[in-house]
Amino acid sequence: MSSSDRFLLPIVPQIHGISCSTFKMPPLGGSLTLPELYEWHVEHCPEHPLFVFAQEDGSIRKLCWPEVLRAVYTGVKIIRDRTHWQAGMTKAPVVAILSSSDSVPYATTTMAIMRANCTAFLISSRNSPAAVAHLLYKTACGWILGVPPPRSPVVVSTPENVLEMAKATSSDLILTVPSMVEAWSRNPDHVKFLAAKEGILFGGSPLNQEIGDYLTAQGITLFSLYGAFPSFLSTESGVMAPLLPGTFTHTVGQCAFRDALPSGS
């Protein structure tokens, strides 16, 4: 991407990660593309974990930026070989992912597609065959990756195992859907645990107003990620609403760098 193709974003406060010894704030003004930020983190935050998860034996596994980026580079080589990518191509190949894979391989593959200078098209496996065919046709997608999971079957997220994983990994923020939040609200122990966290980020559908009011009254911070679901990585628009905690409301503001909001459902 040339400098003329880049756009500048509003300057954000340099407050994230100030108490973390392994993290440094990257430049967020638009001077680096998203794939370029991967290399930036490897150089400046080599010991900072990108993924943290609990293994079956209860131990915590951390994947730091250098290890993840090595996997990304491997994916870049495979994708460029399969798509016959060449430097200077006038139109980037569109590569779709149709998979129910776990988060780590799914995210790593998506990063590899973007780093290969291809267009990543992430398709929900919940779509019907007719819908998938329509999407592939409309986007002129010539490549589909059916990414196998690291284990089969893929672990299905439930309110209980999501919260247990959050506890095991000492997560500060929890990214989820309203149905999970509403299930947690019915358990006083879960509510107490969530109140000690920095907040819950949710999207994909509205959160029940009464439940939102109750959780806010219990000291839980709720963030509405309008525009970021059903898949946080595959959102068509990016996060449309700024993360402003406070009294729970279904009304959301618009990010300053967004020019338009979608119409219709």
C-alpha atoms as a PDB file:
ATOM      1  CA  MET A   1       0.000   0.000   0.000  1.00  0.00           C
ATOM      2  CA  SER A   2       1.424   3.381  -1.016  1.00  0.00           C
ATOM      3  CA  SER A   3       1.465   6.366   1.326  1.00  0.00           C
ATOM      4  CA  SER A   4      -1.210   8.058  -0.803  1.00  0.00           C
ATOM      5  CA  ASP A   5      -3.582   5.127  -0.198  1.00  0.00           C
ATOM      6  CA  ARG A   6      -3.360   5.393   3.574  1.00  0.00           C
ATOM      7  CA  PHE A   7      -5.717   7.389   5.743  1.00  0.00           C
ATOM      8  CA  LEU A   8      -5.084   8.919   9.132  1.00  0.00           C
ATOM      9  CA  LEU A   9      -7.114   8.015  12.185  1.00  0.00           C
ATOM     10  CA  PRO A  10      -7.814  10.175  15.233  1.00  0.00           C
ATOM     11  CA  ILE A  11      -5.021  10.147  17.805  1.00  0.00           C
ATOM     12  CA  VAL A  12      -5.914   7.781  20.635  1.00  0.00           C
ATOM     13  CA  PRO A  13      -4.824   8.156  24.272  1.00  0.00           C
ATOM     14  CA  GLN A  14      -1.607   6.262  25.028  1.00  0.00           C
ATOM     15  CA  ILE A  15      -3.029   4.464  28.038  1.00  0.00           C
ATOM     16  CA  HIS A  16      -3.452   0.827  26.976  1.00  0.00           C
ATOM     17  CA  GLY A  17      -0.955  -1.555  28.513  1.00  0.00           C
ATOM     18  CA  ILE A  18       0.978   1.086  30.439  1.00  0.00           C
ATOM     19  CA  SER A  19       1.269  -1.281  33.400  1.00  0.00           C
ATOM     20  CA  CYS A  20       2.364  -4.243  31.235  1.00  0.00           C
ATOM     21  CA  SER A  21       6.110  -4.823  31.012  1.00  0.00           C
ATOM     22  CA  THR A  22       5.894  -6.826  27.756  1.00  0.00           C
ATOM     23  CA  PHE A  23       3.633  -4.479  25.768  1.00  0.00           C
ATOM     24  CA  LYS A  24       4.398  -1.279  23.871  1.00  0.00           C
ATOM     25  CA  MET A  25       1.783   0.865  22.160  1.00  0.00           C
ATOM     26  CA  PRO A  26       2.157   0.779  18.356  1.00  0.00           C
ATOM     27  CA  PRO A  27       1.526   3.833  16.171  1.00  0.00           C
ATOM     28  CA  LEU A  28      -2.222   3.951  15.547  1.00  0.00           C
ATOM     29  CA  GLY A  29      -2.480   7.010  13.326  1.00  0.00           C
ATOM     30  CA  GLY A  30      -2.672   5.037  10.077  1.00  0.00           C
ATOM     31  CA  SER A  31       1.052   5.047   9.244  1.00  0.00           C
ATOM     32  CA  LEU A  32       1.144   1.234   9.379  1.00  0.00           C
ATOM     33  CA  THR A  33      -1.210  -1.245   7.771  1.00  0.00           C
ATOM     34  CA  LEU A  34      -2.623  -4.065   9.868  1.00  0.00           C
ATOM     35  CA  PRO A  35      -0.141  -6.654   8.505  1.00  0.00           C
ATOM     36  CA  GLU A  36       2.718  -4.208   9.130  1.00  0.00           C
ATOM     37  CA  LEU A  37       1.627  -3.976  12.749  1.00  0.00           C
ATOM     38  CA  TYR A  38       2.347  -7.704  13.095  1.00  0.00           C
ATOM     39  CA  GLU A  39       6.039  -7.113  12.306  1.00  0.00           C
ATOM     40  CA  TRP A  40       6.050  -4.071  14.596  1.00  0.00           C
ATOM     41  CA  HIS A  41       4.882  -6.156  17.538  1.00  0.00           C
ATOM     42  CA  VAL A  42       7.478  -8.864  16.882  1.00  0.00           C
ATOM     43  CA  GLU A  43      10.228  -6.244  16.979  1.00  0.00           C
ATOM     44  CA  HIS A  44       8.973  -4.220  19.949  1.00  0.00           C
ATOM     45  CA  CYS A  45       6.899  -6.732  21.963  1.00  0.00           C
ATOM     46  CA  PRO A  46       8.541 -10.139  21.374  1.00  0.00           C
ATOM     47  CA  GLU A  47       7.557 -11.476  24.798  1.00  0.00           C
ATOM     48  CA  HIS A  48       3.968 -10.241  24.721  1.00  0.00           C
ATOM     49  CA  PRO A  49       1.371 -13.032  24.310  1.00  0.00           C
ATOM     50  CA  LEU A  50      -1.127 -12.782  21.467  1.00  0.00           C
ATOM     51  CA  PHE A  51      -3.076 -15.908  22.473  1.00  0.00           C
ATOM     52  CA  VAL A  52      -3.509 -17.421  25.934  1.00  0.00           C
ATOM     53  CA  PHE A  53      -5.508 -20.576  26.585  1.00  0.00           C
ATOM     54  CA  ALA A  54      -5.868 -23.323  29.158  1.00  0.00           C
ATOM     55  CA  GLN A  55      -4.832 -26.813  28.065  1.00  0.00           C
ATOM     56  CA  GLU A  56      -6.593 -30.037  28.989  1.00  0.00           C
ATOM     57  CA  ASP A  57      -4.207 -30.645  31.896  1.00  0.00           C
ATOM     58  CA  GLY A  58      -5.035 -27.218  33.319  1.00  0.00           C
ATOM     59  CA  SER A  59      -1.716 -25.601  32.383  1.00  0.00           C
ATOM     60  CA  ILE A  60      -1.715 -22.221  30.652  1.00  0.00           C
ATOM     61  CA  ARG A  61      -0.249 -21.999  27.143  1.00  0.00           C
ATOM     62  CA  LYS A  62       0.900 -18.634  25.826  1.00  0.00           C
ATOM     63  CA  LEU A  63       1.642 -17.917  22.169  1.00  0.00           C
ATOM     64  CA  CYS A  64       3.772 -14.790  21.805  1.00  0.00           C
ATOM     65  CA  TRP A  65       4.077 -12.639  18.703  1.00  0.00           C
ATOM     66  CA  PRO A  66       7.246 -14.250  17.218  1.00  0.00           C
ATOM     67  CA  GLU A  67       5.785 -17.764  17.401  1.00  0.00           C
ATOM     68  CA  VAL A  68       2.482 -16.657  15.886  1.00  0.00           C
ATOM     69  CA  LEU A  69       4.160 -14.687  13.113  1.00  0.00           C
ATOM     70  CA  ARG A  70       6.252 -17.711  12.111  1.00  0.00           C
ATOM     71  CA  ALA A  71       2.990 -19.576  11.579  1.00  0.00           C
ATOM     72  CA  VAL A  72       1.632 -16.588   9.642  1.00  0.00           C
ATOM     73  CA  TYR A  73       4.669 -16.582   7.320  1.00  0.00           C
ATOM     74  CA  THR A  74       4.192 -20.299   6.694  1.00  0.00           C
ATOM     75  CA  GLY A  75       0.597 -19.578   5.765  1.00  0.00           C
ATOM     76  CA  VAL A  76       1.691 -16.715   3.488  1.00  0.00           C
ATOM     77  CA  LYS A  77       3.911 -19.055   1.465  1.00  0.00           C
ATOM     78  CA  ILE A  78       1.159 -21.657   1.088  1.00  0.00           C
ATOM     79  CA  ILE A  79      -1.477 -19.093   0.106  1.00  0.00           C
ATOM     80  CA  ARG A  80       0.739 -17.370  -2.460  1.00  0.00           C
ATOM     81  CA  ASP A  81       1.682 -20.730  -3.978  1.00  0.00           C
ATOM     82  CA  ARG A  82      -1.944 -21.843  -4.235  1.00  0.00           C
ATOM     83  CA  THR A  83      -3.251 -18.522  -5.606  1.00  0.00           C
ATOM     84  CA  HIS A  84      -0.274 -17.998  -7.952  1.00  0.00           C
ATOM     85  CA  TRP A  85       0.235 -14.583  -6.384  1.00  0.00           C
ATOM     86  CA  GLN A  86       2.767 -12.275  -8.050  1.00  0.00           C
ATOM     87  CA  ALA A  87       4.129  -8.900  -7.009  1.00  0.00           C
ATOM     88  CA  GLY A  88       2.436  -6.064  -8.841  1.00  0.00           C
ATOM     89  CA  MET A  89      -0.869  -7.847  -9.379  1.00  0.00           C
ATOM     90  CA  THR A  90      -3.572  -5.282 -10.175  1.00  0.00           C
ATOM     91  CA  LYS A  91      -6.269  -7.241  -8.358  1.00  0.00           C
ATOM     92  CA  ALA A  92      -5.679  -9.106  -5.123  1.00  0.00           C
ATOM     93  CA  PRO A  93      -6.979 -12.700  -5.050  1.00  0.00           C
ATOM     94  CA  VAL A  94     -10.013 -13.216  -2.816  1.00  0.00           C
ATOM     95  CA  VAL A  95      -9.479 -16.109  -0.400  1.00  0.00           C
ATOM     96  CA  ALA A  96     -12.451 -17.343   1.616  1.00  0.00           C
ATOM     97  CA  ILE A  97     -12.430 -19.330   4.841  1.00  0.00           C
ATOM     98  CA  LEU A  98     -15.383 -21.639   5.407  1.00  0.00           C
ATOM     99  CA  SER A  99     -14.672 -23.386   8.673  1.00  0.00           C
ATOM    100  CA  SER A 100     -15.739 -23.947  12.260  1.00  0.00           C
ATOM    101  CA  SER A 101     -12.120 -24.057  13.369  1.00  0.00           C
ATOM    102  CA  ASP A 102     -10.894 -22.976  16.785  1.00  0.00           C
ATOM    103  CA  SER A 103      -9.957 -19.344  17.330  1.00  0.00           C
ATOM    104  CA  VAL A 104      -6.158 -19.659  17.132  1.00  0.00           C
ATOM    105  CA  PRO A 105      -5.838 -21.375  13.722  1.00  0.00           C
ATOM    106  CA  TYR A 106      -8.733 -19.315  12.353  1.00  0.00           C
ATOM    107  CA  ALA A 107      -7.152 -16.020  13.379  1.00  0.00           C
ATOM    108  CA  THR A 108      -3.675 -17.097  12.248  1.00  0.00           C
ATOM    109  CA  THR A 109      -4.966 -18.133   8.826  1.00  0.00           C
ATOM    110  CA  THR A 110      -6.806 -14.829   8.459  1.00  0.00           C
ATOM    111  CA  MET A 111      -3.627 -12.933   9.324  1.00  0.00           C
ATOM    112  CA  ALA A 112      -1.713 -14.995   6.753  1.00  0.00           C
ATOM    113  CA  ILE A 113      -4.211 -14.174   3.992  1.00  0.00           C
ATOM    114  CA  MET A 114      -3.902 -10.450   4.675  1.00  0.00           C
ATOM    115  CA  ARG A 115      -0.103 -10.631   4.969  1.00  0.00           C
ATOM    116  CA  ALA A 116      -0.015 -12.404   1.590  1.00  0.00           C
ATOM    117  CA  ASN A 117      -1.652  -9.289   0.088  1.00  0.00           C
ATOM    118  CA  CYS A 118      -4.848 -11.190  -0.599  1.00  0.00           C
ATOM    119  CA  THR A 119      -8.391 -10.270   0.402  1.00  0.00           C
ATOM    120  CA  ALA A 120      -9.703 -12.367   3.306  1.00  0.00           C
ATOM    121  CA  PHE A 121     -13.381 -13.287   3.004  1.00  0.00           C
ATOM    122  CA  LEU A 122     -14.564 -15.013   6.186  1.00  0.00           C
ATOM    123  CA  ILE A 123     -17.806 -16.926   5.726  1.00  0.00           C
ATOM    124  CA  SER A 124     -19.906 -18.172   8.611  1.00  0.00           C
ATOM    125  CA  SER A 125     -20.360 -21.939   8.525  1.00  0.00           C
ATOM    126  CA  ARG A 126     -23.953 -21.336   9.630  1.00  0.00           C
ATOM    127  CA  ASN A 127     -24.862 -20.083   6.150  1.00  0.00           C
ATOM    128  CA  SER A 128     -26.863 -22.378   3.879  1.00  0.00           C
ATOM    129  CA  PRO A 129     -25.139 -23.910   0.812  1.00  0.00           C
ATOM    130  CA  ALA A 130     -27.141 -21.562  -1.420  1.00  0.00           C
ATOM    131  CA  ALA A 131     -26.018 -18.535   0.599  1.00  0.00           C
ATOM    132  CA  VAL A 132     -22.375 -19.629   0.486  1.00  0.00           C
ATOM    133  CA  ALA A 133     -22.560 -20.132  -3.291  1.00  0.00           C
ATOM    134  CA  HIS A 134     -24.110 -16.682  -3.693  1.00  0.00           C
ATOM    135  CA  LEU A 135     -21.399 -15.023  -1.585  1.00  0.00           C
ATOM    136  CA  LEU A 136     -18.594 -16.753  -3.478  1.00  0.00           C
ATOM    137  CA  TYR A 137     -20.103 -15.756  -6.825  1.00  0.00           C
ATOM    138  CA  LYS A 138     -20.666 -12.119  -5.888  1.00  0.00           C
ATOM    139  CA  THR A 139     -17.128 -11.682  -4.553  1.00  0.00           C
ATOM    140  CA  ALA A 140     -15.515 -13.596  -7.435  1.00  0.00           C
ATOM    141  CA  CYS A 141     -13.773 -15.761  -4.884  1.00  0.00           C
ATOM    142  CA  GLY A 142     -11.626 -18.398  -6.517  1.00  0.00           C
ATOM    143  CA  TRP A 143     -10.088 -19.931  -3.414  1.00  0.00           C
ATOM    144  CA  ILE A 144     -11.767 -21.524  -0.411  1.00  0.00           C
ATOM    145  CA  LEU A 145      -9.871 -22.735   2.639  1.00  0.00           C
ATOM    146  CA  GLY A 146     -11.566 -25.455   4.665  1.00  0.00           C
ATOM    147  CA  VAL A 147      -9.351 -25.148   7.723  1.00  0.00           C
ATOM    148  CA  PRO A 148      -9.211 -28.290   9.872  1.00  0.00           C
ATOM    149  CA  PRO A 149      -9.413 -27.760  13.630  1.00  0.00           C
ATOM    150  CA  PRO A 150      -6.546 -28.803  15.916  1.00  0.00           C
ATOM    151  CA  ARG A 151      -8.888 -31.324  17.469  1.00  0.00           C
ATOM    152  CA  SER A 152     -12.187 -32.852  16.579  1.00  0.00           C
ATOM    153  CA  PRO A 153     -14.891 -32.123  17.388  1.00  0.00           C
ATOM    154  CA  VAL A 154     -14.374 -28.427  18.005  1.00  0.00           C
ATOM    155  CA  VAL A 155     -15.267 -27.456  21.566  1.00  0.00           C
ATOM    156  CA  VAL A 156     -18.664 -25.763  21.546  1.00  0.00           C
ATOM    157  CA  SER A 157     -18.763 -22.579  23.599  1.00  0.00           C
ATOM    158  CA  THR A 158     -21.161 -22.640  26.543  1.00  0.00           C
ATOM    159  CA  PRO A 159     -21.722 -20.075  29.300  1.00  0.00           C
ATOM    160  CA  GLU A 160     -19.906 -22.341  31.744  1.00  0.00           C
ATOM    161  CA  ASN A 161     -16.794 -23.243  29.730  1.00  0.00           C
ATOM    162  CA  VAL A 162     -16.333 -19.682  28.441  1.00  0.00           C
ATOM    163  CA  LEU A 163     -16.351 -18.328  31.979  1.00  0.00           C
ATOM    164  CA  GLU A 164     -14.068 -21.106  33.222  1.00  0.00           C
ATOM    165  CA  MET A 165     -11.580 -20.261  30.459  1.00  0.00           C
ATOM    166  CA  ALA A 166     -11.771 -16.584  31.419  1.00  0.00           C
ATOM    167  CA  LYS A 167     -10.955 -17.521  35.007  1.00  0.00           C
ATOM    168  CA  ALA A 168      -8.126 -19.876  34.033  1.00  0.00           C
ATOM    169  CA  THR A 169      -6.462 -17.297  31.782  1.00  0.00           C
ATOM    170  CA  SER A 170      -7.072 -14.360  34.156  1.00  0.00           C
ATOM    171  CA  SER A 171      -8.804 -12.425  31.386  1.00  0.00           C
ATOM    172  CA  ASP A 172      -9.463  -8.745  32.058  1.00  0.00           C
ATOM    173  CA  LEU A 173     -12.092  -8.308  29.326  1.00  0.00           C
ATOM    174  CA  ILE A 174     -14.568 -10.881  28.017  1.00  0.00           C
ATOM    175  CA  LEU A 175     -15.741 -10.758  24.391  1.00  0.00           C
ATOM    176  CA  THR A 176     -19.019 -12.616  23.912  1.00  0.00           C
ATOM    177  CA  VAL A 177     -22.638 -12.551  22.739  1.00  0.00           C
ATOM    178  CA  PRO A 178     -25.702 -11.373  24.714  1.00  0.00           C
ATOM    179  CA  SER A 179     -27.048 -14.896  25.289  1.00  0.00           C
ATOM    180  CA  MET A 180     -23.917 -15.702  27.315  1.00  0.00           C
ATOM    181  CA  VAL A 181     -24.228 -12.499  29.330  1.00  0.00           C
ATOM    182  CA  GLU A 182     -27.876 -13.190  30.100  1.00  0.00           C
ATOM    183  CA  ALA A 183     -27.030 -16.722  31.269  1.00  0.00           C
ATOM    184  CA  TRP A 184     -24.278 -15.424  33.572  1.00  0.00           C
ATOM    185  CA  SER A 185     -26.639 -12.850  35.066  1.00  0.00           C
ATOM    186  CA  ARG A 186     -28.678 -15.654  36.654  1.00  0.00           C
ATOM    187  CA  ASN A 187     -25.738 -16.895  38.756  1.00  0.00           C
ATOM    188  CA  PRO A 188     -24.697 -14.625  41.682  1.00  0.00           C
ATOM    189  CA  ASP A 189     -21.193 -16.126  41.738  1.00  0.00           C
ATOM    190  CA  HIS A 190     -20.726 -15.355  38.056  1.00  0.00           C
ATOM    191  CA  VAL A 191     -21.965 -11.804  38.574  1.00  0.00           C
ATOM    192  CA  LYS A 192     -19.505 -11.299  41.429  1.00  0.00           C
ATOM    193  CA  PHE A 193     -16.635 -12.590  39.272  1.00  0.00           C
ATOM    194  CA  LEU A 194     -17.576 -10.367  36.329  1.00  0.00           C
ATOM    195  CA  ALA A 195     -17.854  -7.283  38.538  1.00  0.00           C
ATOM    196  CA  ALA A 196     -14.150  -7.640  39.341  1.00  0.00           C
ATOM    197  CA  LYS A 197     -13.211  -7.525  35.646  1.00  0.00           C
ATOM    198  CA  GLU A 198     -12.680  -4.494  33.440  1.00  0.00           C
ATOM    199  CA  GLY A 199     -15.788  -5.258  31.447  1.00  0.00           C
ATOM    200  CA  ILE A 200     -17.797  -7.376  29.011  1.00  0.00           C
ATOM    201  CA  LEU A 201     -17.775  -6.632  25.283  1.00  0.00           C
ATOM    202  CA  PHE A 202     -20.837  -7.964  23.470  1.00  0.00           C
ATOM    203  CA  GLY A 203     -22.446  -7.758  20.056  1.00  0.00           C
ATOM    204  CA  GLY A 204     -24.423  -9.658  17.457  1.00  0.00           C
ATOM    205  CA  SER A 205     -27.832  -8.895  18.939  1.00  0.00           C
ATOM    206  CA  PRO A 206     -29.369  -6.630  21.598  1.00  0.00           C
ATOM    207  CA  LEU A 207     -28.856  -7.323  25.280  1.00  0.00           C
ATOM    208  CA  ASN A 208     -32.015  -7.441  27.371  1.00  0.00           C
ATOM    209  CA  GLN A 209     -32.457  -3.951  28.849  1.00  0.00           C
ATOM    210  CA  GLU A 210     -33.515  -5.209  32.287  1.00  0.00           C
ATOM    211  CA  ILE A 211     -30.540  -7.562  32.502  1.00  0.00           C
ATOM    212  CA  GLY A 212     -28.192  -4.831  31.303  1.00  0.00           C
ATOM    213  CA  ASP A 213     -29.490  -2.458  33.960  1.00  0.00           C
ATOM    214  CA  TYR A 214     -29.107  -5.132  36.635  1.00  0.00           C
ATOM    215  CA  LEU A 215     -25.517  -5.990  35.687  1.00  0.00           C
ATOM    216  CA  THR A 216     -24.547  -2.321  35.533  1.00  0.00           C
ATOM    217  CA  ALA A 217     -26.011  -1.823  39.010  1.00  0.00           C
ATOM    218  CA  GLN A 218     -23.837  -4.717  40.220  1.00  0.00           C
ATOM    219  CA  GLY A 219     -20.706  -2.906  39.061  1.00  0.00           C
ATOM    220  CA  ILE A 220     -20.210  -4.690  35.729  1.00  0.00           C
ATOM    221  CA  THR A 221     -19.046  -2.521  32.828  1.00  0.00           C
ATOM    222  CA  LEU A 222     -20.774  -3.354  29.529  1.00  0.00           C
ATOM    223  CA  PHE A 223     -19.438  -2.385  26.094  1.00  0.00           C
ATOM    224  CA  SER A 224     -21.638  -2.662  22.998  1.00  0.00           C
ATOM    225  CA  LEU A 225     -19.623  -3.680  19.928  1.00  0.00           C
ATOM    226  CA  TYR A 226     -22.149  -2.666  17.309  1.00  0.00           C
ATOM    227  CA  GLY A 227     -20.854  -3.668  13.876  1.00  0.00           C
ATOM    228  CA  ALA A 228     -18.328  -6.224  15.100  1.00  0.00           C
ATOM    229  CA  PHE A 229     -20.250  -9.497  15.033  1.00  0.00           C
ATOM    230  CA  PRO A 230     -21.191 -12.315  14.236  1.00  0.00           C
ATOM    231  CA  SER A 231     -17.450 -12.796  13.954  1.00  0.00           C
ATOM    232  CA  PHE A 232     -15.184 -10.187  15.490  1.00  0.00           C
ATOM    233  CA  LEU A 233     -12.561 -10.960  12.867  1.00  0.00           C
ATOM    234  CA  SER A 234     -14.919 -11.066   9.906  1.00  0.00           C
ATOM    235  CA  THR A 235     -17.015  -7.973  10.501  1.00  0.00           C
ATOM    236  CA  GLU A 236     -17.972  -6.288   7.244  1.00  0.00           C
ATOM    237  CA  SER A 237     -17.879  -2.793   8.684  1.00  0.00           C
ATOM    238  CA  GLY A 238     -15.518  -2.720  11.643  1.00  0.00           C
ATOM    239  CA  VAL A 239     -16.550  -1.592  15.091  1.00  0.00           C
ATOM    240  CA  MET A 240     -19.063   1.198  14.513  1.00  0.00           C
ATOM    241  CA  ALA A 241     -19.569   2.313  18.117  1.00  0.00           C
ATOM    242  CA  PRO A 242     -16.924   3.757  20.464  1.00  0.00           C
ATOM    243  CA  LEU A 243     -16.301   1.882  23.708  1.00  0.00           C
ATOM    244  CA  LEU A 244     -17.868   4.215  26.233  1.00  0.00           C
ATOM    245  CA  PRO A 245     -18.802   2.577  29.552  1.00  0.00           C
ATOM    246  CA  GLY A 246     -21.533   3.957  31.742  1.00  0.00           C
ATOM    247  CA  THR A 247     -25.209   3.370  32.337  1.00  0.00           C
ATOM    248  CA  PHE A 248     -26.371   0.553  30.081  1.00  0.00           C
ATOM    249  CA  THR A 249     -28.306   1.665  27.017  1.00  0.00           C
ATOM    250  CA  HIS A 250     -29.161   0.280  23.594  1.00  0.00           C
ATOM    251  CA  THR A 251     -28.252   3.633  22.053  1.00  0.00           C
ATOM    252  CA  VAL A 252     -24.739   3.709  20.613  1.00  0.00           C
ATOM    253  CA  GLY A 253     -22.590   6.542  19.375  1.00  0.00           C
ATOM    254  CA  GLN A 254     -20.712   6.626  16.095  1.00  0.00           C
ATOM    255  CA  CYS A 255     -16.930   6.438  15.873  1.00  0.00           C
ATOM    256  CA  ALA A 256     -15.443   9.684  14.628  1.00  0.00           C
ATOM    257  CA  PHE A 257     -13.666   8.001  11.697  1.00  0.00           C
ATOM    258  CA  ARG A 258     -16.809   6.329  10.327  1.00  0.00           C
ATOM    259  CA  ASP A 259     -18.432   8.143   7.408  1.00  0.00           C
ATOM    260  CA  ALA A 260     -21.707   6.223   7.211  1.00  0.00           C
ATOM    261  CA  LEU A 261     -23.923   3.775   9.030  1.00  0.00           C
ATOM    262  CA  PRO A 262     -25.598   0.807   7.295  1.00  0.00           C
ATOM    263  CA  SER A 263     -29.269   0.971   6.464  1.00  0.00           C
ATOM    264  CA  GLY A 264     -31.726  -1.893   6.710  1.00  0.00           C
ATOM    265  CA  SER A 265     -31.409  -4.960   8.898  1.00  0.00           C
END
